[in-house]
C-alpha atoms as a PDB file:
ATOM      1  CA  UNK A   1     -20.592  -8.740   2.022  1.00  0.00           C
ATOM      2  CA  UNK A   2     -18.618  -6.868   4.653  1.00  0.00           C
ATOM      3  CA  UNK A   3     -15.836  -4.638   3.373  1.00  0.00           C
ATOM      4  CA  UNK A   4     -12.328  -5.783   4.262  1.00  0.00           C
ATOM      5  CA  UNK A   5      -9.820  -2.953   4.324  1.00  0.00           C
ATOM      6  CA  UNK A   6      -6.056  -2.833   4.377  1.00  0.00           C
ATOM      7  CA  UNK A   7      -3.442  -0.145   4.935  1.00  0.00           C
ATOM      8  CA  UNK A   8      -0.726   0.175   2.291  1.00  0.00           C
ATOM      9  CA  UNK A   9       2.311   2.230   3.292  1.00  0.00           C
ATOM     10  CA  UNK A  10       5.126   3.276   0.965  1.00  0.00           C
ATOM     11  CA  UNK A  11       8.360   4.906   2.108  1.00  0.00           C
ATOM     12  CA  UNK A  12      11.497   5.698   0.140  1.00  0.00           C
ATOM     13  CA  UNK A  13      13.533   8.205  -1.776  1.00  0.00           C
ATOM     14  CA  UNK A  14      11.294  10.398  -3.929  1.00  0.00           C
ATOM     15  CA  UNK A  15      11.312   9.640  -7.666  1.00  0.00           C
ATOM     16  CA  UNK A  16       9.005   9.837 -10.654  1.00  0.00           C
ATOM     17  CA  UNK A  17       6.411   7.081 -10.998  1.00  0.00           C
ATOM     18  CA  UNK A  18       5.978   5.778  -7.437  1.00  0.00           C
ATOM     19  CA  UNK A  19       2.233   6.494  -7.206  1.00  0.00           C
ATOM     20  CA  UNK A  20       1.618   5.310 -10.781  1.00  0.00           C
ATOM     21  CA  UNK A  21       3.394   1.980 -10.297  1.00  0.00           C
ATOM     22  CA  UNK A  22       1.873   1.195  -6.875  1.00  0.00           C
ATOM     23  CA  UNK A  23      -1.661   2.089  -7.989  1.00  0.00           C
ATOM     24  CA  UNK A  24      -1.230   0.064 -11.212  1.00  0.00           C
ATOM     25  CA  UNK A  25      -0.551  -3.065  -9.133  1.00  0.00           C
ATOM     26  CA  UNK A  26      -3.615  -2.304  -7.002  1.00  0.00           C
ATOM     27  CA  UNK A  27      -5.794  -1.783 -10.099  1.00  0.00           C
ATOM     28  CA  UNK A  28      -4.549  -5.027 -11.681  1.00  0.00           C
ATOM     29  CA  UNK A  29      -5.673  -6.812  -8.496  1.00  0.00           C
ATOM     30  CA  UNK A  30      -9.094  -5.064  -8.664  1.00  0.00           C
ATOM     31  CA  UNK A  31      -8.391  -3.182  -5.420  1.00  0.00           C
ATOM     32  CA  UNK A  32     -10.226   0.096  -4.878  1.00  0.00           C
ATOM     33  CA  UNK A  33      -8.504   2.950  -3.029  1.00  0.00           C
ATOM     34  CA  UNK A  34     -10.710   4.581  -0.368  1.00  0.00           C
ATOM     35  CA  UNK A  35      -8.227   7.164   0.883  1.00  0.00           C
ATOM     36  CA  UNK A  36      -4.714   8.238  -0.023  1.00  0.00           C
ATOM     37  CA  UNK A  37      -2.281  10.604   1.641  1.00  0.00           C
ATOM     38  CA  UNK A  38       1.205  11.331   0.412  1.00  0.00           C
ATOM     39  CA  UNK A  39       3.902  13.786   1.322  1.00  0.00           C
ATOM     40  CA  UNK A  40       7.562  14.412   0.772  1.00  0.00           C
ATOM     41  CA  UNK A  41       9.719  15.045   3.846  1.00  0.00           C
ATOM     42  CA  UNK A  42      13.076  16.374   2.681  1.00  0.00           C
ATOM     43  CA  UNK A  43      13.934  13.806  -0.022  1.00  0.00           C
ATOM     44  CA  UNK A  44      11.750  11.019   1.366  1.00  0.00           C
ATOM     45  CA  UNK A  45       8.411  10.087  -0.129  1.00  0.00           C
ATOM     46  CA  UNK A  46       5.757   8.700   2.221  1.00  0.00           C
ATOM     47  CA  UNK A  47       2.312   7.468   1.221  1.00  0.00           C
ATOM     48  CA  UNK A  48      -0.501   5.809   3.166  1.00  0.00           C
ATOM     49  CA  UNK A  49      -3.554   4.322   1.499  1.00  0.00           C
ATOM     50  CA  UNK A  50      -6.697   2.684   2.815  1.00  0.00           C
ATOM     51  CA  UNK A  51      -7.788   0.104   0.240  1.00  0.00           C
ATOM     52  CA  UNK A  52     -10.622  -2.392  -0.234  1.00  0.00           C
ATOM     53  CA  UNK A  53      -9.303  -5.976  -0.204  1.00  0.00           C
ATOM     54  CA  UNK A  54     -12.737  -7.616   0.123  1.00  0.00           C
ATOM     55  CA  UNK A  55     -12.187  -9.582  -3.093  1.00  0.00           C
ATOM     56  CA  UNK A  56      -8.858 -11.047  -1.960  1.00  0.00           C
ATOM     57  CA  UNK A  57      -8.739 -14.130   0.260  1.00  0.00           C
ATOM     58  CA  UNK A  58      -4.980 -14.098   0.784  1.00  0.00           C
ATOM     59  CA  UNK A  59      -2.752 -11.026   0.644  1.00  0.00           C
ATOM     60  CA  UNK A  60       0.376 -13.083  -0.149  1.00  0.00           C
ATOM     61  CA  UNK A  61       0.256 -12.559  -3.932  1.00  0.00           C
ATOM     62  CA  UNK A  62      -0.327  -8.815  -3.555  1.00  0.00           C
ATOM     63  CA  UNK A  63       2.498  -8.547  -1.009  1.00  0.00           C
ATOM     64  CA  UNK A  64       4.857 -10.387  -3.378  1.00  0.00           C
ATOM     65  CA  UNK A  65       4.030  -8.015  -6.246  1.00  0.00           C
ATOM     66  CA  UNK A  66       4.506  -4.935  -4.042  1.00  0.00           C
ATOM     67  CA  UNK A  67       7.727  -6.366  -2.545  1.00  0.00           C
ATOM     68  CA  UNK A  68       9.075  -6.857  -6.074  1.00  0.00           C
ATOM     69  CA  UNK A  69       8.243  -3.255  -6.952  1.00  0.00           C
ATOM     70  CA  UNK A  70       9.796  -2.092  -3.677  1.00  0.00           C
ATOM     71  CA  UNK A  71      13.045  -3.900  -4.476  1.00  0.00           C
ATOM     72  CA  UNK A  72      13.076  -2.538  -8.026  1.00  0.00           C
ATOM     73  CA  UNK A  73      12.522   1.078  -6.881  1.00  0.00           C
ATOM     74  CA  UNK A  74      14.305   1.017  -3.504  1.00  0.00           C
ATOM     75  CA  UNK A  75      11.062   1.446  -1.520  1.00  0.00           C
ATOM     76  CA  UNK A  76       9.641  -0.149   1.610  1.00  0.00           C
ATOM     77  CA  UNK A  77       6.045  -1.146   0.832  1.00  0.00           C
ATOM     78  CA  UNK A  78       3.912  -2.717   3.536  1.00  0.00           C
ATOM     79  CA  UNK A  79       0.343  -4.101   3.445  1.00  0.00           C
ATOM     80  CA  UNK A  80      -1.598  -4.831   6.629  1.00  0.00           C
ATOM     81  CA  UNK A  81      -5.246  -5.527   7.264  1.00  0.00           C
ATOM     82  CA  UNK A  82      -6.749  -2.405   8.798  1.00  0.00           C
ATOM     83  CA  UNK A  83      -7.788  -4.079  12.052  1.00  0.00           C
ATOM     84  CA  UNK A  84      -4.234  -5.367  12.596  1.00  0.00           C
ATOM     85  CA  UNK A  85      -2.769  -1.957  11.776  1.00  0.00           C
ATOM     86  CA  UNK A  86      -5.149  -0.261  14.229  1.00  0.00           C
ATOM     87  CA  UNK A  87      -4.401  -2.792  16.987  1.00  0.00           C
ATOM     88  CA  UNK A  88      -0.656  -2.322  16.546  1.00  0.00           C
ATOM     89  CA  UNK A  89      -0.889   1.483  16.656  1.00  0.00           C
ATOM     90  CA  UNK A  90      -3.449   1.892  19.431  1.00  0.00           C
ATOM     91  CA  UNK A  91      -2.273   4.215  22.196  1.00  0.00           C
END
């Protein structure tokens, strides 16, 4: 089976527990993280992850869970299939 990857981005005010809560949702959905990068710019937390979504037919449920967490924590969390992300950001 071919691997299907997605890009998860998280942006918001830095606070305790962001990585733990986002990765818990991913783990509950049996999503493996291939790569993760996070930094804090002034007070803003930014994180990008490449994840394996091969076992998920529809990203709607995952997006809803991450949107709920984003609302709860004041974060913007986005999930895009990697090929769409790459096409949108091609120079």
